[in-house]
Amino acid sequence: RTRIYNHKSIEATLAGFATTSAALLFLI
């Protein structure tokens, strides 16, 4: 809903960050 840059949203960026962080916790 909230576009911040390059037509991308803060919701999508935060979701990507959270998911990736959670997955990487099992690796590093």
PDB file of all heavy atoms in Angstrom:
ATOM      1  N   ARG A   1       0.822  -1.215   0.000  1.00  0.00           N
ATOM      2  CA  ARG A   1       0.000   0.000   0.000  1.00  0.00           C
ATOM      3  C   ARG A   1       0.852   1.259   0.000  1.00  0.00           C
ATOM      4  O   ARG A   1       0.526   2.229  -0.669  1.00  0.00           O
ATOM      5  CB  ARG A   1      -0.912   0.019   1.248  1.00  0.00           C
ATOM      6  CG  ARG A   1      -1.916  -1.119   1.318  1.00  0.00           C
ATOM      7  CD  ARG A   1      -2.984  -1.013   0.250  1.00  0.00           C
ATOM      8  NE  ARG A   1      -3.981  -2.079   0.395  1.00  0.00           N
ATOM      9  CZ  ARG A   1      -3.894  -3.270  -0.172  1.00  0.00           C
ATOM     10  NH1 ARG A   1      -2.828  -3.549  -0.926  1.00  0.00           N
ATOM     11  NH2 ARG A   1      -4.829  -4.182  -0.008  1.00  0.00           N
ATOM     12  N   THR A   2       1.952   1.233   0.752  1.00  0.00           N
ATOM     13  CA  THR A   2       2.761   2.437   0.937  1.00  0.00           C
ATOM     14  C   THR A   2       3.987   2.389   0.038  1.00  0.00           C
ATOM     15  O   THR A   2       4.979   1.723   0.350  1.00  0.00           O
ATOM     16  CB  THR A   2       3.209   2.562   2.413  1.00  0.00           C
ATOM     17  OG1 THR A   2       2.083   2.396   3.269  1.00  0.00           O
ATOM     18  CG2 THR A   2       3.855   3.912   2.652  1.00  0.00           C
ATOM     19  N   ARG A   3       3.916   3.085  -1.090  1.00  0.00           N
ATOM     20  CA  ARG A   3       5.034   3.085  -2.032  1.00  0.00           C
ATOM     21  C   ARG A   3       6.134   4.002  -1.527  1.00  0.00           C
ATOM     22  O   ARG A   3       5.873   5.135  -1.114  1.00  0.00           O
ATOM     23  CB  ARG A   3       4.557   3.557  -3.408  1.00  0.00           C
ATOM     24  CG  ARG A   3       3.392   2.741  -3.968  1.00  0.00           C
ATOM     25  CD  ARG A   3       3.789   1.312  -4.230  1.00  0.00           C
ATOM     26  NE  ARG A   3       2.621   0.481  -4.541  1.00  0.00           N
ATOM     27  CZ  ARG A   3       2.687  -0.815  -4.796  1.00  0.00           C
ATOM     28  NH1 ARG A   3       3.852  -1.431  -4.773  1.00  0.00           N
ATOM     29  NH2 ARG A   3       1.603  -1.521  -5.045  1.00  0.00           N
ATOM     30  N   ILE A   4       7.387   3.519  -1.565  1.00  0.00           N
ATOM     31  CA  ILE A   4       8.487   4.318  -1.045  1.00  0.00           C
ATOM     32  C   ILE A   4       9.568   4.595  -2.086  1.00  0.00           C
ATOM     33  O   ILE A   4      10.198   5.647  -2.056  1.00  0.00           O
ATOM     34  CB  ILE A   4       9.123   3.649   0.195  1.00  0.00           C
ATOM     35  CG1 ILE A   4       9.497   2.190  -0.100  1.00  0.00           C
ATOM     36  CG2 ILE A   4       8.199   3.744   1.385  1.00  0.00           C
ATOM     37  CD1 ILE A   4      10.210   1.501   1.059  1.00  0.00           C
ATOM     38  N   TYR A   5       9.795   3.666  -3.022  1.00  0.00           N
ATOM     39  CA  TYR A   5      10.844   3.881  -4.028  1.00  0.00           C
ATOM     40  C   TYR A   5      10.692   2.854  -5.145  1.00  0.00           C
ATOM     41  O   TYR A   5      10.377   1.696  -4.888  1.00  0.00           O
ATOM     42  CB  TYR A   5      12.235   3.748  -3.387  1.00  0.00           C
ATOM     43  CG  TYR A   5      13.368   4.218  -4.265  1.00  0.00           C
ATOM     44  CD1 TYR A   5      13.615   5.574  -4.455  1.00  0.00           C
ATOM     45  CD2 TYR A   5      14.194   3.302  -4.917  1.00  0.00           C
ATOM     46  CE1 TYR A   5      14.654   6.012  -5.253  1.00  0.00           C
ATOM     47  CE2 TYR A   5      15.237   3.725  -5.724  1.00  0.00           C
ATOM     48  CZ  TYR A   5      15.466   5.087  -5.883  1.00  0.00           C
ATOM     49  OH  TYR A   5      16.495   5.514  -6.688  1.00  0.00           O
ATOM     50  N   ASN A   6      10.929   3.294  -6.379  1.00  0.00           N
ATOM     51  CA  ASN A   6      10.854   2.380  -7.532  1.00  0.00           C
ATOM     52  C   ASN A   6       9.519   1.633  -7.594  1.00  0.00           C
ATOM     53  O   ASN A   6       9.479   0.477  -8.017  1.00  0.00           O
ATOM     54  CB  ASN A   6      11.996   1.359  -7.492  1.00  0.00           C
ATOM     55  CG  ASN A   6      13.295   1.931  -8.024  1.00  0.00           C
ATOM     56  OD1 ASN A   6      13.309   2.974  -8.675  1.00  0.00           O
ATOM     57  ND2 ASN A   6      14.392   1.261  -7.735  1.00  0.00           N
ATOM     58  N   HIS A   7       8.442   2.287  -7.167  1.00  0.00           N
ATOM     59  CA  HIS A   7       7.106   1.678  -7.153  1.00  0.00           C
ATOM     60  C   HIS A   7       7.025   0.480  -6.203  1.00  0.00           C
ATOM     61  O   HIS A   7       6.107  -0.336  -6.316  1.00  0.00           O
ATOM     62  CB  HIS A   7       6.684   1.245  -8.563  1.00  0.00           C
ATOM     63  CG  HIS A   7       6.763   2.345  -9.581  1.00  0.00           C
ATOM     64  ND1 HIS A   7       5.907   3.418  -9.553  1.00  0.00           N
ATOM     65  CD2 HIS A   7       7.597   2.549 -10.630  1.00  0.00           C
ATOM     66  CE1 HIS A   7       6.207   4.238 -10.565  1.00  0.00           C
ATOM     67  NE2 HIS A   7       7.237   3.737 -11.223  1.00  0.00           N
ATOM     68  N   LYS A   8       7.965   0.362  -5.282  1.00  0.00           N
ATOM     69  CA  LYS A   8       7.962  -0.738  -4.324  1.00  0.00           C
ATOM     70  C   LYS A   8       7.430  -0.243  -2.984  1.00  0.00           C
ATOM     71  O   LYS A   8       7.572   0.927  -2.637  1.00  0.00           O
ATOM     72  CB  LYS A   8       9.374  -1.307  -4.168  1.00  0.00           C
ATOM     73  CG  LYS A   8       9.901  -1.901  -5.474  1.00  0.00           C
ATOM     74  CD  LYS A   8      11.324  -2.394  -5.339  1.00  0.00           C
ATOM     75  CE  LYS A   8      11.838  -2.944  -6.663  1.00  0.00           C
ATOM     76  NZ  LYS A   8      13.241  -3.423  -6.575  1.00  0.00           N
ATOM     77  N   SER A   9       6.814  -1.149  -2.236  1.00  0.00           N
ATOM     78  CA  SER A   9       6.141  -0.761  -0.994  1.00  0.00           C
ATOM     79  C   SER A   9       6.962  -1.116   0.235  1.00  0.00           C
ATOM     80  O   SER A   9       7.763  -2.060   0.227  1.00  0.00           O
ATOM     81  CB  SER A   9       4.772  -1.445  -0.905  1.00  0.00           C
ATOM     82  OG  SER A   9       4.915  -2.841  -0.739  1.00  0.00           O
ATOM     83  N   ILE A  10       6.720  -0.368   1.308  1.00  0.00           N
ATOM     84  CA  ILE A  10       7.387  -0.646   2.575  1.00  0.00           C
ATOM     85  C   ILE A  10       6.935  -1.991   3.140  1.00  0.00           C
ATOM     86  O   ILE A  10       7.710  -2.714   3.752  1.00  0.00           O
ATOM     87  CB  ILE A  10       7.104   0.497   3.594  1.00  0.00           C
ATOM     88  CG1 ILE A  10       7.905   0.276   4.873  1.00  0.00           C
ATOM     89  CG2 ILE A  10       5.613   0.587   3.909  1.00  0.00           C
ATOM     90  CD1 ILE A  10       9.389   0.374   4.692  1.00  0.00           C
ATOM     91  N   GLU A  11       5.673  -2.351   2.894  1.00  0.00           N
ATOM     92  CA  GLU A  11       5.160  -3.640   3.380  1.00  0.00           C
ATOM     93  C   GLU A  11       5.935  -4.804   2.749  1.00  0.00           C
ATOM     94  O   GLU A  11       6.306  -5.758   3.436  1.00  0.00           O
ATOM     95  CB  GLU A  11       3.673  -3.775   3.070  1.00  0.00           C
ATOM     96  CG  GLU A  11       2.777  -2.797   3.792  1.00  0.00           C
ATOM     97  CD  GLU A  11       2.610  -1.479   3.064  1.00  0.00           C
ATOM     98  OE1 GLU A  11       3.252  -1.283   2.007  1.00  0.00           O
ATOM     99  OE2 GLU A  11       1.824  -0.641   3.544  1.00  0.00           O
ATOM    100  N   ALA A  12       6.165  -4.710   1.446  1.00  0.00           N
ATOM    101  CA  ALA A  12       6.872  -5.776   0.738  1.00  0.00           C
ATOM    102  C   ALA A  12       8.330  -5.864   1.189  1.00  0.00           C
ATOM    103  O   ALA A  12       8.866  -6.958   1.420  1.00  0.00           O
ATOM    104  CB  ALA A  12       6.801  -5.536  -0.766  1.00  0.00           C
ATOM    105  N   THR A  13       8.976  -4.710   1.332  1.00  0.00           N
ATOM    106  CA  THR A  13      10.379  -4.692   1.736  1.00  0.00           C
ATOM    107  C   THR A  13      10.563  -5.257   3.145  1.00  0.00           C
ATOM    108  O   THR A  13      11.470  -6.055   3.400  1.00  0.00           O
ATOM    109  CB  THR A  13      10.933  -3.261   1.673  1.00  0.00           C
ATOM    110  OG1 THR A  13      10.870  -2.784   0.319  1.00  0.00           O
ATOM    111  CG2 THR A  13      12.382  -3.212   2.141  1.00  0.00           C
ATOM    112  N   LEU A  14       9.694  -4.854   4.068  1.00  0.00           N
ATOM    113  CA  LEU A  14       9.789  -5.358   5.441  1.00  0.00           C
ATOM    114  C   LEU A  14       9.499  -6.853   5.506  1.00  0.00           C
ATOM    115  O   LEU A  14      10.146  -7.587   6.259  1.00  0.00           O
ATOM    116  CB  LEU A  14       8.829  -4.589   6.348  1.00  0.00           C
ATOM    117  CG  LEU A  14       9.197  -3.129   6.625  1.00  0.00           C
ATOM    118  CD1 LEU A  14       8.125  -2.468   7.479  1.00  0.00           C
ATOM    119  CD2 LEU A  14      10.557  -3.026   7.295  1.00  0.00           C
ATOM    120  N   ALA A  15       8.527  -7.309   4.714  1.00  0.00           N
ATOM    121  CA  ALA A  15       8.216  -8.743   4.688  1.00  0.00           C
ATOM    122  C   ALA A  15       9.393  -9.543   4.141  1.00  0.00           C
ATOM    123  O   ALA A  15       9.734 -10.618   4.659  1.00  0.00           O
ATOM    124  CB  ALA A  15       6.967  -8.993   3.846  1.00  0.00           C
ATOM    125  N   GLY A  16      10.018  -9.027   3.093  1.00  0.00           N
ATOM    126  CA  GLY A  16      11.186  -9.699   2.536  1.00  0.00           C
ATOM    127  C   GLY A  16      12.333  -9.742   3.517  1.00  0.00           C
ATOM    128  O   GLY A  16      13.001 -10.774   3.669  1.00  0.00           O
ATOM    129  N   PHE A  17      12.562  -8.633   4.212  1.00  0.00           N
ATOM    130  CA  PHE A  17      13.622  -8.578   5.223  1.00  0.00           C
ATOM    131  C   PHE A  17      13.358  -9.568   6.356  1.00  0.00           C
ATOM    132  O   PHE A  17      14.249 -10.315   6.768  1.00  0.00           O
ATOM    133  CB  PHE A  17      13.721  -7.154   5.778  1.00  0.00           C
ATOM    134  CG  PHE A  17      14.500  -7.058   7.058  1.00  0.00           C
ATOM    135  CD1 PHE A  17      15.883  -7.214   7.059  1.00  0.00           C
ATOM    136  CD2 PHE A  17      13.858  -6.818   8.258  1.00  0.00           C
ATOM    137  CE1 PHE A  17      16.603  -7.142   8.248  1.00  0.00           C
ATOM    138  CE2 PHE A  17      14.570  -6.741   9.451  1.00  0.00           C
ATOM    139  CZ  PHE A  17      15.954  -6.900   9.441  1.00  0.00           C
ATOM    140  N   ALA A  18      12.123  -9.600   6.855  1.00  0.00           N
ATOM    141  CA  ALA A  18      11.781 -10.484   7.978  1.00  0.00           C
ATOM    142  C   ALA A  18      11.908 -11.950   7.596  1.00  0.00           C
ATOM    143  O   ALA A  18      12.472 -12.762   8.346  1.00  0.00           O
ATOM    144  CB  ALA A  18      10.368 -10.179   8.462  1.00  0.00           C
ATOM    145  N   THR A  19      11.390 -12.311   6.426  1.00  0.00           N
ATOM    146  CA  THR A  19      11.444 -13.705   5.981  1.00  0.00           C
ATOM    147  C   THR A  19      12.877 -14.166   5.758  1.00  0.00           C
ATOM    148  O   THR A  19      13.269 -15.265   6.169  1.00  0.00           O
ATOM    149  CB  THR A  19      10.632 -13.888   4.693  1.00  0.00           C
ATOM    150  OG1 THR A  19       9.284 -13.481   4.909  1.00  0.00           O
ATOM    151  CG2 THR A  19      10.651 -15.337   4.231  1.00  0.00           C
ATOM    152  N   THR A  20      13.656 -13.315   5.107  1.00  0.00           N
ATOM    153  CA  THR A  20      15.043 -13.666   4.832  1.00  0.00           C
ATOM    154  C   THR A  20      15.850 -13.785   6.124  1.00  0.00           C
ATOM    155  O   THR A  20      16.653 -14.709   6.291  1.00  0.00           O
ATOM    156  CB  THR A  20      15.684 -12.602   3.917  1.00  0.00           C
ATOM    157  OG1 THR A  20      14.898 -12.473   2.726  1.00  0.00           O
ATOM    158  CG2 THR A  20      17.088 -13.009   3.527  1.00  0.00           C
ATOM    159  N   SER A  21      15.627 -12.860   7.044  1.00  0.00           N
ATOM    160  CA  SER A  21      16.325 -12.916   8.329  1.00  0.00           C
ATOM    161  C   SER A  21      16.007 -14.215   9.067  1.00  0.00           C
ATOM    162  O   SER A  21      16.902 -14.874   9.613  1.00  0.00           O
ATOM    163  CB  SER A  21      15.938 -11.720   9.208  1.00  0.00           C
ATOM    164  OG  SER A  21      16.340 -10.503   8.622  1.00  0.00           O
ATOM    165  N   ALA A  22      14.727 -14.590   9.086  1.00  0.00           N
ATOM    166  CA  ALA A  22      14.313 -15.808   9.779  1.00  0.00           C
ATOM    167  C   ALA A  22      14.971 -17.040   9.162  1.00  0.00           C
ATOM    168  O   ALA A  22      15.425 -17.946   9.877  1.00  0.00           O
ATOM    169  CB  ALA A  22      12.795 -15.942   9.735  1.00  0.00           C
ATOM    170  N   ALA A  23      15.037 -17.084   7.838  1.00  0.00           N
ATOM    171  CA  ALA A  23      15.653 -18.234   7.168  1.00  0.00           C
ATOM    172  C   ALA A  23      17.154 -18.291   7.444  1.00  0.00           C
ATOM    173  O   ALA A  23      17.720 -19.367   7.688  1.00  0.00           O
ATOM    174  CB  ALA A  23      15.388 -18.160   5.667  1.00  0.00           C
ATOM    175  N   LEU A  24      17.811 -17.132   7.434  1.00  0.00           N
ATOM    176  CA  LEU A  24      19.261 -17.103   7.632  1.00  0.00           C
ATOM    177  C   LEU A  24      19.671 -17.455   9.058  1.00  0.00           C
ATOM    178  O   LEU A  24      20.826 -17.826   9.294  1.00  0.00           O
ATOM    179  CB  LEU A  24      19.816 -15.726   7.263  1.00  0.00           C
ATOM    180  CG  LEU A  24      19.824 -15.380   5.773  1.00  0.00           C
ATOM    181  CD1 LEU A  24      20.543 -14.054   5.545  1.00  0.00           C
ATOM    182  CD2 LEU A  24      20.466 -16.479   4.945  1.00  0.00           C
ATOM    183  N   LEU A  25      18.750 -17.335  10.002  1.00  0.00           N
ATOM    184  CA  LEU A  25      19.071 -17.698  11.385  1.00  0.00           C
ATOM    185  C   LEU A  25      19.470 -19.166  11.506  1.00  0.00           C
ATOM    186  O   LEU A  25      20.152 -19.550  12.454  1.00  0.00           O
ATOM    187  CB  LEU A  25      17.872 -17.413  12.301  1.00  0.00           C
ATOM    188  CG  LEU A  25      17.574 -15.933  12.581  1.00  0.00           C
ATOM    189  CD1 LEU A  25      16.299 -15.798  13.394  1.00  0.00           C
ATOM    190  CD2 LEU A  25      18.747 -15.275  13.306  1.00  0.00           C
ATOM    191  N   PHE A  26      19.029 -19.984  10.553  1.00  0.00           N
ATOM    192  CA  PHE A  26      19.377 -21.405  10.564  1.00  0.00           C
ATOM    193  C   PHE A  26      20.740 -21.664   9.902  1.00  0.00           C
ATOM    194  O   PHE A  26      21.246 -22.785   9.939  1.00  0.00           O
ATOM    195  CB  PHE A  26      18.308 -22.223   9.846  1.00  0.00           C
ATOM    196  CG  PHE A  26      16.976 -22.214  10.542  1.00  0.00           C
ATOM    197  CD1 PHE A  26      15.996 -21.323  10.151  1.00  0.00           C
ATOM    198  CD2 PHE A  26      16.713 -23.076  11.594  1.00  0.00           C
ATOM    199  CE1 PHE A  26      14.753 -21.302  10.791  1.00  0.00           C
ATOM    200  CE2 PHE A  26      15.492 -23.054  12.245  1.00  0.00           C
ATOM    201  CZ  PHE A  26      14.503 -22.171  11.843  1.00  0.00           C
ATOM    202  N   LEU A  27      21.311 -20.616   9.293  1.00  0.00           N
ATOM    203  CA  LEU A  27      22.540 -20.801   8.533  1.00  0.00           C
ATOM    204  C   LEU A  27      23.731 -20.048   9.107  1.00  0.00           C
ATOM    205  O   LEU A  27      24.873 -20.523   9.024  1.00  0.00           O
ATOM    206  CB  LEU A  27      22.331 -20.364   7.073  1.00  0.00           C
ATOM    207  CG  LEU A  27      21.187 -21.045   6.318  1.00  0.00           C
ATOM    208  CD1 LEU A  27      21.044 -20.428   4.928  1.00  0.00           C
ATOM    209  CD2 LEU A  27      21.433 -22.540   6.206  1.00  0.00           C
ATOM    210  N   ILE A  28      23.487 -18.868   9.660  1.00  0.00           N
ATOM    211  CA  ILE A  28      24.566 -18.022  10.169  1.00  0.00           C
ATOM    212  C   ILE A  28      24.132 -17.381  11.484  1.00  0.00           C
ATOM    213  O   ILE A  28      22.940 -17.395  11.815  1.00  0.00           O
ATOM    214  CB  ILE A  28      24.947 -16.920   9.144  1.00  0.00           C
ATOM    215  CG1 ILE A  28      23.713 -16.106   8.741  1.00  0.00           C
ATOM    216  CG2 ILE A  28      25.611 -17.526   7.922  1.00  0.00           C
ATOM    217  CD1 ILE A  28      24.009 -14.992   7.741  1.00  0.00           C
TER     218      ILE A  28
END
